[in-house]
PDB file of N, CA and C in Angstrom:
ATOM      1  N   UNK A   1       7.644 -13.590 -11.167  1.00  0.00           N
ATOM      2  CA  UNK A   1       7.680 -12.323 -11.966  1.00  0.00           C
ATOM      3  C   UNK A   1       6.758 -11.993 -12.676  1.00  0.00           C
ATOM      4  N   UNK A   2       6.255 -13.058 -13.563  1.00  0.00           N
ATOM      5  CA  UNK A   2       5.418 -12.981 -14.866  1.00  0.00           C
ATOM      6  C   UNK A   2       4.066 -12.567 -13.973  1.00  0.00           C
ATOM      7  N   UNK A   3       3.769 -13.050 -12.890  1.00  0.00           N
ATOM      8  CA  UNK A   3       2.471 -13.052 -12.163  1.00  0.00           C
ATOM      9  C   UNK A   3       1.995 -11.771 -11.841  1.00  0.00           C
ATOM     10  N   UNK A   4       3.163 -10.918 -11.452  1.00  0.00           N
ATOM     11  CA  UNK A   4       2.707  -9.390 -11.152  1.00  0.00           C
ATOM     12  C   UNK A   4       3.135  -8.566 -12.203  1.00  0.00           C
ATOM     13  N   UNK A   5       3.327  -9.083 -13.417  1.00  0.00           N
ATOM     14  CA  UNK A   5       3.721  -7.924 -14.318  1.00  0.00           C
ATOM     15  C   UNK A   5       2.695  -6.919 -14.678  1.00  0.00           C
ATOM     16  N   UNK A   6       1.578  -7.096 -14.809  1.00  0.00           N
ATOM     17  CA  UNK A   6       0.509  -6.476 -15.292  1.00  0.00           C
ATOM     18  C   UNK A   6       0.104  -5.614 -14.053  1.00  0.00           C
ATOM     19  N   UNK A   7      -0.126  -6.108 -13.001  1.00  0.00           N
ATOM     20  CA  UNK A   7      -0.441  -5.099 -11.665  1.00  0.00           C
ATOM     21  C   UNK A   7       0.588  -4.166 -11.451  1.00  0.00           C
ATOM     22  N   UNK A   8       1.947  -4.566 -11.574  1.00  0.00           N
ATOM     23  CA  UNK A   8       3.201  -3.779 -11.474  1.00  0.00           C
ATOM     24  C   UNK A   8       3.164  -2.612 -12.514  1.00  0.00           C
ATOM     25  N   UNK A   9       2.721  -2.940 -13.715  1.00  0.00           N
ATOM     26  CA  UNK A   9       2.686  -1.916 -14.924  1.00  0.00           C
ATOM     27  C   UNK A   9       1.512  -0.990 -14.679  1.00  0.00           C
ATOM     28  N   UNK A  10       0.451  -1.616 -14.115  1.00  0.00           N
ATOM     29  CA  UNK A  10      -0.710  -0.588 -13.798  1.00  0.00           C
ATOM     30  C   UNK A  10      -0.410   0.358 -12.746  1.00  0.00           C
ATOM     31  N   UNK A  11       0.406   0.031 -11.822  1.00  0.00           N
ATOM     32  CA  UNK A  11       0.683   0.907 -10.800  1.00  0.00           C
ATOM     33  C   UNK A  11       1.775   1.744 -11.252  1.00  0.00           C
ATOM     34  N   UNK A  12       2.672   1.538 -12.011  1.00  0.00           N
ATOM     35  CA  UNK A  12       3.487   2.379 -12.606  1.00  0.00           C
ATOM     36  C   UNK A  12       2.743   3.449 -13.409  1.00  0.00           C
ATOM     37  N   UNK A  13       1.950   3.088 -14.244  1.00  0.00           N
ATOM     38  CA  UNK A  13       1.180   4.163 -15.120  1.00  0.00           C
ATOM     39  C   UNK A  13       0.322   4.984 -14.219  1.00  0.00           C
ATOM     40  N   UNK A  14      -0.286   4.491 -12.922  1.00  0.00           N
ATOM     41  CA  UNK A  14      -0.957   5.488 -12.197  1.00  0.00           C
ATOM     42  C   UNK A  14       0.225   6.563 -11.665  1.00  0.00           C
ATOM     43  N   UNK A  15       1.224   6.036 -11.140  1.00  0.00           N
ATOM     44  CA  UNK A  15       2.214   6.881 -10.473  1.00  0.00           C
ATOM     45  C   UNK A  15       2.846   7.969 -11.337  1.00  0.00           C
ATOM     46  N   UNK A  16       3.115   7.461 -12.604  1.00  0.00           N
ATOM     47  CA  UNK A  16       3.711   8.596 -13.496  1.00  0.00           C
ATOM     48  C   UNK A  16       2.687   8.891 -14.658  1.00  0.00           C
ATOM     49  N   UNK A  17       1.475   8.534 -14.416  1.00  0.00           N
ATOM     50  CA  UNK A  17       0.626   9.123 -15.473  1.00  0.00           C
ATOM     51  C   UNK A  17       0.880   8.779 -16.804  1.00  0.00           C
ATOM     52  N   UNK A  18       1.731   7.964 -17.208  1.00  0.00           N
ATOM     53  CA  UNK A  18       1.816   7.486 -18.593  1.00  0.00           C
ATOM     54  C   UNK A  18       2.687   8.336 -19.189  1.00  0.00           C
ATOM     55  N   UNK A  19       3.420   9.229 -18.536  1.00  0.00           N
ATOM     56  CA  UNK A  19       4.337  10.102 -19.344  1.00  0.00           C
ATOM     57  C   UNK A  19       5.919   9.326 -19.427  1.00  0.00           C
ATOM     58  N   UNK A  20       6.660   9.825 -20.322  1.00  0.00           N
ATOM     59  CA  UNK A  20       7.931   9.135 -20.452  1.00  0.00           C
ATOM     60  C   UNK A  20       8.211   7.627 -20.037  1.00  0.00           C
ATOM     61  N   UNK A  21       7.145   7.032 -20.415  1.00  0.00           N
ATOM     62  CA  UNK A  21       7.573   5.362 -20.275  1.00  0.00           C
ATOM     63  C   UNK A  21       8.025   4.741 -21.499  1.00  0.00           C
ATOM     64  N   UNK A  22       8.948   3.959 -21.147  1.00  0.00           N
ATOM     65  CA  UNK A  22       9.556   3.033 -22.134  1.00  0.00           C
ATOM     66  C   UNK A  22       9.079   1.598 -22.128  1.00  0.00           C
ATOM     67  N   UNK A  23       8.453   1.014 -23.194  1.00  0.00           N
ATOM     68  CA  UNK A  23       8.109  -0.226 -23.030  1.00  0.00           C
ATOM     69  C   UNK A  23       9.076  -1.208 -23.815  1.00  0.00           C
ATOM     70  N   UNK A  24       9.896  -2.249 -23.259  1.00  0.00           N
ATOM     71  CA  UNK A  24      10.819  -3.073 -23.923  1.00  0.00           C
ATOM     72  C   UNK A  24      10.409  -4.510 -23.718  1.00  0.00           C
ATOM     73  N   UNK A  25      10.872  -5.541 -24.551  1.00  0.00           N
ATOM     74  CA  UNK A  25      10.579  -6.826 -24.484  1.00  0.00           C
ATOM     75  C   UNK A  25      11.709  -7.658 -23.820  1.00  0.00           C
ATOM     76  N   UNK A  26      12.979  -6.780 -23.640  1.00  0.00           N
ATOM     77  CA  UNK A  26      14.041  -7.603 -23.175  1.00  0.00           C
ATOM     78  C   UNK A  26      14.394  -8.825 -23.970  1.00  0.00           C
ATOM     79  N   UNK A  27      14.362  -8.644 -25.224  1.00  0.00           N
ATOM     80  CA  UNK A  27      14.591  -9.713 -26.156  1.00  0.00           C
ATOM     81  C   UNK A  27      16.208  -9.947 -26.213  1.00  0.00           C
ATOM     82  N   UNK A  28      16.553 -11.239 -26.035  1.00  0.00           N
ATOM     83  CA  UNK A  28      17.913 -11.472 -26.078  1.00  0.00           C
ATOM     84  C   UNK A  28      18.322 -11.794 -27.545  1.00  0.00           C
ATOM     85  N   UNK A  29      17.616 -12.418 -28.334  1.00  0.00           N
ATOM     86  CA  UNK A  29      17.822 -13.060 -29.693  1.00  0.00           C
ATOM     87  C   UNK A  29      16.701 -12.080 -30.652  1.00  0.00           C
ATOM     88  N   UNK A  30      17.191 -12.050 -31.961  1.00  0.00           N
ATOM     89  CA  UNK A  30      16.378 -11.278 -32.720  1.00  0.00           C
ATOM     90  C   UNK A  30      15.050 -11.901 -33.085  1.00  0.00           C
ATOM     91  N   UNK A  31      14.986 -12.996 -32.882  1.00  0.00           N
ATOM     92  CA  UNK A  31      13.624 -13.934 -33.168  1.00  0.00           C
ATOM     93  C   UNK A  31      12.763 -13.594 -32.049  1.00  0.00           C
ATOM     94  N   UNK A  32      13.088 -13.058 -30.916  1.00  0.00           N
ATOM     95  CA  UNK A  32      12.381 -12.737 -29.671  1.00  0.00           C
ATOM     96  C   UNK A  32      11.666 -11.518 -29.834  1.00  0.00           C
ATOM     97  N   UNK A  33      12.106 -10.642 -30.645  1.00  0.00           N
ATOM     98  CA  UNK A  33      11.636  -9.260 -30.706  1.00  0.00           C
ATOM     99  C   UNK A  33      10.212  -9.151 -31.343  1.00  0.00           C
ATOM    100  N   UNK A  34       9.278  -8.370 -30.504  1.00  0.00           N
ATOM    101  CA  UNK A  34       7.925  -8.211 -31.072  1.00  0.00           C
ATOM    102  C   UNK A  34       7.824  -7.103 -31.889  1.00  0.00           C
ATOM    103  N   UNK A  35       6.719  -6.994 -32.622  1.00  0.00           N
ATOM    104  CA  UNK A  35       6.554  -6.011 -33.554  1.00  0.00           C
ATOM    105  C   UNK A  35       6.166  -4.963 -32.772  1.00  0.00           C
ATOM    106  N   UNK A  36       6.418  -3.736 -33.454  1.00  0.00           N
ATOM    107  CA  UNK A  36       6.014  -2.312 -32.636  1.00  0.00           C
ATOM    108  C   UNK A  36       4.605  -1.977 -32.355  1.00  0.00           C
ATOM    109  N   UNK A  37       3.780  -2.674 -33.172  1.00  0.00           N
ATOM    110  CA  UNK A  37       2.087  -2.568 -32.972  1.00  0.00           C
ATOM    111  C   UNK A  37       1.835  -3.383 -32.036  1.00  0.00           C
ATOM    112  N   UNK A  38       2.350  -4.579 -31.819  1.00  0.00           N
ATOM    113  CA  UNK A  38       1.964  -5.597 -30.640  1.00  0.00           C
ATOM    114  C   UNK A  38       2.316  -4.881 -29.457  1.00  0.00           C
ATOM    115  N   UNK A  39       3.584  -4.299 -29.211  1.00  0.00           N
ATOM    116  CA  UNK A  39       3.862  -3.521 -28.085  1.00  0.00           C
ATOM    117  C   UNK A  39       2.998  -2.397 -27.448  1.00  0.00           C
ATOM    118  N   UNK A  40       2.671  -1.644 -28.845  1.00  0.00           N
ATOM    119  CA  UNK A  40       1.751  -0.608 -28.450  1.00  0.00           C
ATOM    120  C   UNK A  40       0.393  -1.158 -28.116  1.00  0.00           C
ATOM    121  N   UNK A  41      -0.020  -2.138 -28.426  1.00  0.00           N
ATOM    122  CA  UNK A  41      -1.150  -2.915 -27.944  1.00  0.00           C
ATOM    123  C   UNK A  41      -1.072  -3.331 -26.438  1.00  0.00           C
ATOM    124  N   UNK A  42      -0.006  -3.741 -25.983  1.00  0.00           N
ATOM    125  CA  UNK A  42       0.388  -4.134 -24.764  1.00  0.00           C
ATOM    126  C   UNK A  42       0.451  -2.701 -23.835  1.00  0.00           C
ATOM    127  N   UNK A  43       0.655  -1.809 -24.502  1.00  0.00           N
ATOM    128  CA  UNK A  43       0.782  -0.527 -23.589  1.00  0.00           C
ATOM    129  C   UNK A  43      -0.869   0.014 -23.487  1.00  0.00           C
ATOM    130  N   UNK A  44      -1.630  -0.187 -24.470  1.00  0.00           N
ATOM    131  CA  UNK A  44      -3.045  -0.170 -24.268  1.00  0.00           C
ATOM    132  C   UNK A  44      -3.682  -0.884 -23.092  1.00  0.00           C
ATOM    133  N   UNK A  45      -3.175  -1.922 -23.066  1.00  0.00           N
ATOM    134  CA  UNK A  45      -3.705  -2.957 -21.878  1.00  0.00           C
ATOM    135  C   UNK A  45      -3.154  -2.472 -20.683  1.00  0.00           C
ATOM    136  N   UNK A  46      -1.826  -2.004 -20.537  1.00  0.00           N
ATOM    137  CA  UNK A  46      -1.518  -1.208 -19.372  1.00  0.00           C
ATOM    138  C   UNK A  46      -2.064   0.061 -18.755  1.00  0.00           C
ATOM    139  N   UNK A  47      -2.976   0.514 -19.780  1.00  0.00           N
ATOM    140  CA  UNK A  47      -3.866   1.915 -19.225  1.00  0.00           C
ATOM    141  C   UNK A  47      -3.191   2.881 -20.002  1.00  0.00           C
ATOM    142  N   UNK A  48      -2.326   2.555 -20.913  1.00  0.00           N
ATOM    143  CA  UNK A  48      -1.769   3.981 -21.469  1.00  0.00           C
ATOM    144  C   UNK A  48      -2.859   4.416 -22.847  1.00  0.00           C
ATOM    145  N   UNK A  49      -2.840   5.697 -23.155  1.00  0.00           N
ATOM    146  CA  UNK A  49      -3.642   6.197 -24.204  1.00  0.00           C
ATOM    147  C   UNK A  49      -2.840   5.630 -25.479  1.00  0.00           C
ATOM    148  N   UNK A  50      -3.782   5.821 -26.671  1.00  0.00           N
ATOM    149  CA  UNK A  50      -3.037   5.103 -27.969  1.00  0.00           C
ATOM    150  C   UNK A  50      -1.692   5.933 -28.297  1.00  0.00           C
ATOM    151  N   UNK A  51      -1.659   7.257 -28.151  1.00  0.00           N
ATOM    152  CA  UNK A  51      -0.706   8.225 -28.452  1.00  0.00           C
ATOM    153  C   UNK A  51       0.703   8.084 -27.554  1.00  0.00           C
ATOM    154  N   UNK A  52       0.312   7.764 -26.149  1.00  0.00           N
ATOM    155  CA  UNK A  52       1.200   7.528 -25.357  1.00  0.00           C
ATOM    156  C   UNK A  52       1.716   5.978 -25.408  1.00  0.00           C
ATOM    157  N   UNK A  53       1.104   5.091 -25.922  1.00  0.00           N
ATOM    158  CA  UNK A  53       1.556   3.839 -26.122  1.00  0.00           C
ATOM    159  C   UNK A  53       2.478   3.653 -27.368  1.00  0.00           C
ATOM    160  N   UNK A  54       2.333   4.551 -28.522  1.00  0.00           N
ATOM    161  CA  UNK A  54       3.038   4.657 -29.607  1.00  0.00           C
ATOM    162  C   UNK A  54       4.545   5.290 -29.134  1.00  0.00           C
ATOM    163  N   UNK A  55       4.159   6.444 -28.334  1.00  0.00           N
ATOM    164  CA  UNK A  55       5.391   7.050 -27.819  1.00  0.00           C
ATOM    165  C   UNK A  55       6.512   6.280 -27.100  1.00  0.00           C
ATOM    166  N   UNK A  56       5.702   5.365 -26.226  1.00  0.00           N
ATOM    167  CA  UNK A  56       6.642   4.549 -25.440  1.00  0.00           C
ATOM    168  C   UNK A  56       7.627   3.400 -26.243  1.00  0.00           C
ATOM    169  N   UNK A  57       7.021   3.315 -27.471  1.00  0.00           N
ATOM    170  CA  UNK A  57       7.873   2.450 -28.221  1.00  0.00           C
ATOM    171  C   UNK A  57       8.815   3.143 -29.170  1.00  0.00           C
ATOM    172  N   UNK A  58       8.583   4.331 -29.526  1.00  0.00           N
ATOM    173  CA  UNK A  58       9.310   5.106 -30.517  1.00  0.00           C
ATOM    174  C   UNK A  58      10.065   6.330 -29.917  1.00  0.00           C
ATOM    175  N   UNK A  59       9.232   7.175 -29.637  1.00  0.00           N
ATOM    176  CA  UNK A  59       9.570   8.761 -29.427  1.00  0.00           C
ATOM    177  C   UNK A  59      10.375   8.704 -28.177  1.00  0.00           C
ATOM    178  N   UNK A  60       9.777   8.041 -26.951  1.00  0.00           N
ATOM    179  CA  UNK A  60      10.463   7.955 -25.593  1.00  0.00           C
ATOM    180  C   UNK A  60      11.673   7.168 -25.706  1.00  0.00           C
ATOM    181  N   UNK A  61      11.892   6.224 -26.441  1.00  0.00           N
ATOM    182  CA  UNK A  61      13.138   5.707 -26.447  1.00  0.00           C
ATOM    183  C   UNK A  61      14.401   6.438 -27.187  1.00  0.00           C
ATOM    184  N   UNK A  62      14.091   7.071 -28.151  1.00  0.00           N
ATOM    185  CA  UNK A  62      14.950   7.808 -29.029  1.00  0.00           C
ATOM    186  C   UNK A  62      15.472   9.018 -27.963  1.00  0.00           C
ATOM    187  N   UNK A  63      14.552   9.572 -27.251  1.00  0.00           N
ATOM    188  CA  UNK A  63      14.709  10.741 -26.447  1.00  0.00           C
ATOM    189  C   UNK A  63      15.805  10.256 -25.380  1.00  0.00           C
ATOM    190  N   UNK A  64      15.371   8.969 -24.860  1.00  0.00           N
ATOM    191  CA  UNK A  64      16.258   8.582 -23.553  1.00  0.00           C
ATOM    192  C   UNK A  64      17.746   8.318 -24.187  1.00  0.00           C
ATOM    193  N   UNK A  65      17.772   7.763 -25.144  1.00  0.00           N
ATOM    194  CA  UNK A  65      19.151   7.443 -25.901  1.00  0.00           C
ATOM    195  C   UNK A  65      19.908   8.766 -26.285  1.00  0.00           C
ATOM    196  N   UNK A  66      19.075   9.632 -26.847  1.00  0.00           N
ATOM    197  CA  UNK A  66      20.010  10.871 -27.285  1.00  0.00           C
ATOM    198  C   UNK A  66      20.314  11.792 -25.888  1.00  0.00           C
ATOM    199  N   UNK A  67      19.537  11.689 -24.952  1.00  0.00           N
ATOM    200  CA  UNK A  67      19.823  12.421 -23.755  1.00  0.00           C
ATOM    201  C   UNK A  67      21.011  11.808 -23.077  1.00  0.00           C
ATOM    202  N   UNK A  68      20.868  10.434 -23.114  1.00  0.00           N
ATOM    203  CA  UNK A  68      22.215   9.767 -22.331  1.00  0.00           C
ATOM    204  C   UNK A  68      23.519   9.967 -23.205  1.00  0.00           C
ATOM    205  N   UNK A  69      23.448   9.904 -24.507  1.00  0.00           N
ATOM    206  CA  UNK A  69      24.433  10.249 -25.326  1.00  0.00           C
ATOM    207  C   UNK A  69      25.017  11.716 -25.197  1.00  0.00           C
ATOM    208  N   UNK A  70      24.368  12.786 -25.155  1.00  0.00           N
ATOM    209  CA  UNK A  70      24.626  14.122 -24.860  1.00  0.00           C
ATOM    210  C   UNK A  70      25.150  14.218 -23.537  1.00  0.00           C
ATOM    211  N   UNK A  71      24.937  13.675 -22.447  1.00  0.00           N
ATOM    212  CA  UNK A  71      25.405  13.696 -21.235  1.00  0.00           C
ATOM    213  C   UNK A  71      26.805  13.074 -21.124  1.00  0.00           C
ATOM    214  N   UNK A  72      26.941  12.075 -22.273  1.00  0.00           N
ATOM    215  CA  UNK A  72      28.408  11.277 -22.135  1.00  0.00           C
ATOM    216  C   UNK A  72      29.347  12.219 -22.907  1.00  0.00           C
ATOM    217  N   UNK A  73      28.762  12.847 -23.804  1.00  0.00           N
ATOM    218  CA  UNK A  73      29.847  13.524 -24.648  1.00  0.00           C
ATOM    219  C   UNK A  73      30.274  14.914 -24.383  1.00  0.00           C
ATOM    220  N   UNK A  74      29.027  15.746 -23.904  1.00  0.00           N
ATOM    221  CA  UNK A  74      29.250  17.240 -23.698  1.00  0.00           C
ATOM    222  C   UNK A  74      28.199  17.801 -22.806  1.00  0.00           C
ATOM    223  N   UNK A  75      28.681  18.707 -22.068  1.00  0.00           N
ATOM    224  CA  UNK A  75      27.464  19.217 -21.436  1.00  0.00           C
ATOM    225  C   UNK A  75      26.729  20.376 -22.029  1.00  0.00           C
ATOM    226  N   UNK A  76      27.387  20.882 -23.082  1.00  0.00           N
ATOM    227  CA  UNK A  76      26.573  21.882 -23.943  1.00  0.00           C
ATOM    228  C   UNK A  76      27.706  22.222 -25.062  1.00  0.00           C
ATOM    229  N   UNK A  77      27.105  22.323 -26.193  1.00  0.00           N
ATOM    230  CA  UNK A  77      27.947  22.817 -27.098  1.00  0.00           C
ATOM    231  C   UNK A  77      27.588  24.121 -27.753  1.00  0.00           C
ATOM    232  N   UNK A  78      28.524  24.969 -27.952  1.00  0.00           N
ATOM    233  CA  UNK A  78      28.400  26.159 -28.348  1.00  0.00           C
ATOM    234  C   UNK A  78      29.168  26.574 -29.571  1.00  0.00           C
ATOM    235  N   UNK A  79      28.835  27.098 -30.674  1.00  0.00           N
ATOM    236  CA  UNK A  79      29.405  27.006 -31.729  1.00  0.00           C
ATOM    237  C   UNK A  79      29.500  28.673 -32.156  1.00  0.00           C
ATOM    238  N   UNK A  80      30.739  29.184 -32.158  1.00  0.00           N
ATOM    239  CA  UNK A  80      31.090  30.625 -32.522  1.00  0.00           C
ATOM    240  C   UNK A  80      31.594  30.708 -33.785  1.00  0.00           C
ATOM    241  N   UNK A  81      31.022  31.734 -34.564  1.00  0.00           N
ATOM    242  CA  UNK A  81      31.639  31.764 -36.031  1.00  0.00           C
ATOM    243  C   UNK A  81      31.924  33.422 -36.099  1.00  0.00           C
ATOM    244  N   UNK A  82      33.265  33.429 -36.456  1.00  0.00           N
ATOM    245  CA  UNK A  82      33.998  34.815 -36.368  1.00  0.00           C
ATOM    246  C   UNK A  82      33.641  35.524 -37.700  1.00  0.00           C
ATOM    247  N   UNK A  83      33.089  36.757 -37.526  1.00  0.00           N
ATOM    248  CA  UNK A  83      32.723  37.393 -38.624  1.00  0.00           C
ATOM    249  C   UNK A  83      33.912  37.968 -39.426  1.00  0.00           C
ATOM    250  N   UNK A  84      34.034  37.984 -40.699  1.00  0.00           N
ATOM    251  CA  UNK A  84      35.298  38.346 -41.420  1.00  0.00           C
ATOM    252  C   UNK A  84      35.442  40.046 -41.399  1.00  0.00           C
ATOM    253  N   UNK A  85      36.428  40.366 -40.699  1.00  0.00           N
ATOM    254  CA  UNK A  85      36.506  41.952 -40.746  1.00  0.00           C
ATOM    255  C   UNK A  85      36.980  42.392 -42.282  1.00  0.00           C
ATOM    256  N   UNK A  86      36.362  43.587 -42.657  1.00  0.00           N
ATOM    257  CA  UNK A  86      36.734  44.294 -43.683  1.00  0.00           C
ATOM    258  C   UNK A  86      38.269  44.657 -43.633  1.00  0.00           C
ATOM    259  N   UNK A  87      38.962  44.601 -44.806  1.00  0.00           N
ATOM    260  CA  UNK A  87      40.590  44.887 -44.634  1.00  0.00           C
ATOM    261  C   UNK A  87      40.552  46.367 -44.777  1.00  0.00           C
ATOM    262  N   UNK A  88      41.708  46.586 -44.290  1.00  0.00           N
ATOM    263  CA  UNK A  88      42.059  48.092 -43.994  1.00  0.00           C
ATOM    264  C   UNK A  88      42.125  48.735 -45.492  1.00  0.00           C
ATOM    265  N   UNK A  89      42.917  48.164 -46.395  1.00  0.00           N
ATOM    266  CA  UNK A  89      43.262  48.779 -47.743  1.00  0.00           C
ATOM    267  C   UNK A  89      42.030  48.729 -48.811  1.00  0.00           C
ATOM    268  N   UNK A  90      40.933  47.992 -48.226  1.00  0.00           N
ATOM    269  CA  UNK A  90      39.817  47.916 -49.224  1.00  0.00           C
ATOM    270  C   UNK A  90      38.606  48.825 -48.908  1.00  0.00           C
ATOM    271  N   UNK A  91      38.661  50.204 -49.229  1.00  0.00           N
ATOM    272  CA  UNK A  91      37.557  50.946 -48.878  1.00  0.00           C
ATOM    273  C   UNK A  91      36.916  51.375 -49.862  1.00  0.00           C
ATOM    274  N   UNK A  92      37.170  50.328 -51.160  1.00  0.00           N
ATOM    275  CA  UNK A  92      36.221  50.691 -52.239  1.00  0.00           C
ATOM    276  C   UNK A  92      34.717  50.632 -52.158  1.00  0.00           C
ATOM    277  N   UNK A  93      34.384  49.845 -51.092  1.00  0.00           N
ATOM    278  CA  UNK A  93      32.807  49.586 -50.856  1.00  0.00           C
ATOM    279  C   UNK A  93      32.223  50.672 -50.089  1.00  0.00           C
ATOM    280  N   UNK A  94      32.978  51.614 -49.236  1.00  0.00           N
ATOM    281  CA  UNK A  94      32.519  52.638 -48.580  1.00  0.00           C
ATOM    282  C   UNK A  94      32.130  53.843 -49.584  1.00  0.00           C
ATOM    283  N   UNK A  95      31.156  54.488 -49.281  1.00  0.00           N
ATOM    284  CA  UNK A  95      30.965  55.917 -50.134  1.00  0.00           C
ATOM    285  C   UNK A  95      31.973  56.910 -49.725  1.00  0.00           C
ATOM    286  N   UNK A  96      32.169  58.026 -50.688  1.00  0.00           N
ATOM    287  CA  UNK A  96      33.337  58.843 -50.232  1.00  0.00           C
ATOM    288  C   UNK A  96      32.991  59.566 -49.242  1.00  0.00           C
ATOM    289  N   UNK A  97      31.626  59.880 -48.827  1.00  0.00           N
ATOM    290  CA  UNK A  97      31.581  60.649 -47.535  1.00  0.00           C
ATOM    291  C   UNK A  97      31.732  60.004 -46.137  1.00  0.00           C
ATOM    292  N   UNK A  98      31.888  58.753 -46.221  1.00  0.00           N
ATOM    293  CA  UNK A  98      32.442  57.806 -45.106  1.00  0.00           C
ATOM    294  C   UNK A  98      33.663  57.475 -44.946  1.00  0.00           C
ATOM    295  N   UNK A  99      34.523  57.702 -45.864  1.00  0.00           N
ATOM    296  CA  UNK A  99      35.866  57.474 -45.925  1.00  0.00           C
ATOM    297  C   UNK A  99      36.656  58.203 -44.787  1.00  0.00           C
ATOM    298  N   UNK A 100      37.545  57.760 -44.123  1.00  0.00           N
ATOM    299  CA  UNK A 100      38.560  58.672 -43.057  1.00  0.00           C
ATOM    300  C   UNK A 100      39.188  59.295 -43.996  1.00  0.00           C
ATOM    301  N   UNK A 101      39.559  60.774 -43.594  1.00  0.00           N
ATOM    302  CA  UNK A 101      40.623  61.516 -44.360  1.00  0.00           C
ATOM    303  C   UNK A 101      41.986  61.049 -43.791  1.00  0.00           C
ATOM    304  N   UNK A 102      42.819  60.682 -44.585  1.00  0.00           N
ATOM    305  CA  UNK A 102      44.323  60.526 -44.222  1.00  0.00           C
ATOM    306  C   UNK A 102      45.237  61.444 -44.714  1.00  0.00           C
ATOM    307  N   UNK A 103      45.958  61.993 -43.902  1.00  0.00           N
ATOM    308  CA  UNK A 103      47.137  62.792 -44.464  1.00  0.00           C
ATOM    309  C   UNK A 103      48.248  62.064 -44.650  1.00  0.00           C
ATOM    310  N   UNK A 104      48.765  62.259 -45.988  1.00  0.00           N
ATOM    311  CA  UNK A 104      49.980  61.360 -46.336  1.00  0.00           C
ATOM    312  C   UNK A 104      51.344  62.292 -46.231  1.00  0.00           C
TER     313      UNK A 104
END
């Protein structure tokens, strides 16, 4: 598996042109986690540009997690706010020419 990792990664970068790639170490224990700059340098080795390599470690991961979470919770959220209606008896704010004439 390790033998073909770099060649598979290079083929993947050519196919997807380096967009929306996530680089992970698949660490199972906290001591196995690599630093983000080490992983970004690994992305440069795979043929990513510097900005794409940094995005593969940070931005793309957050976007994928957020997208997955929003798909689980809701298809879309719409918030509506009702405007308060002016009360019928409170005509003090209207000028005299705009008030309705009522016959009592």
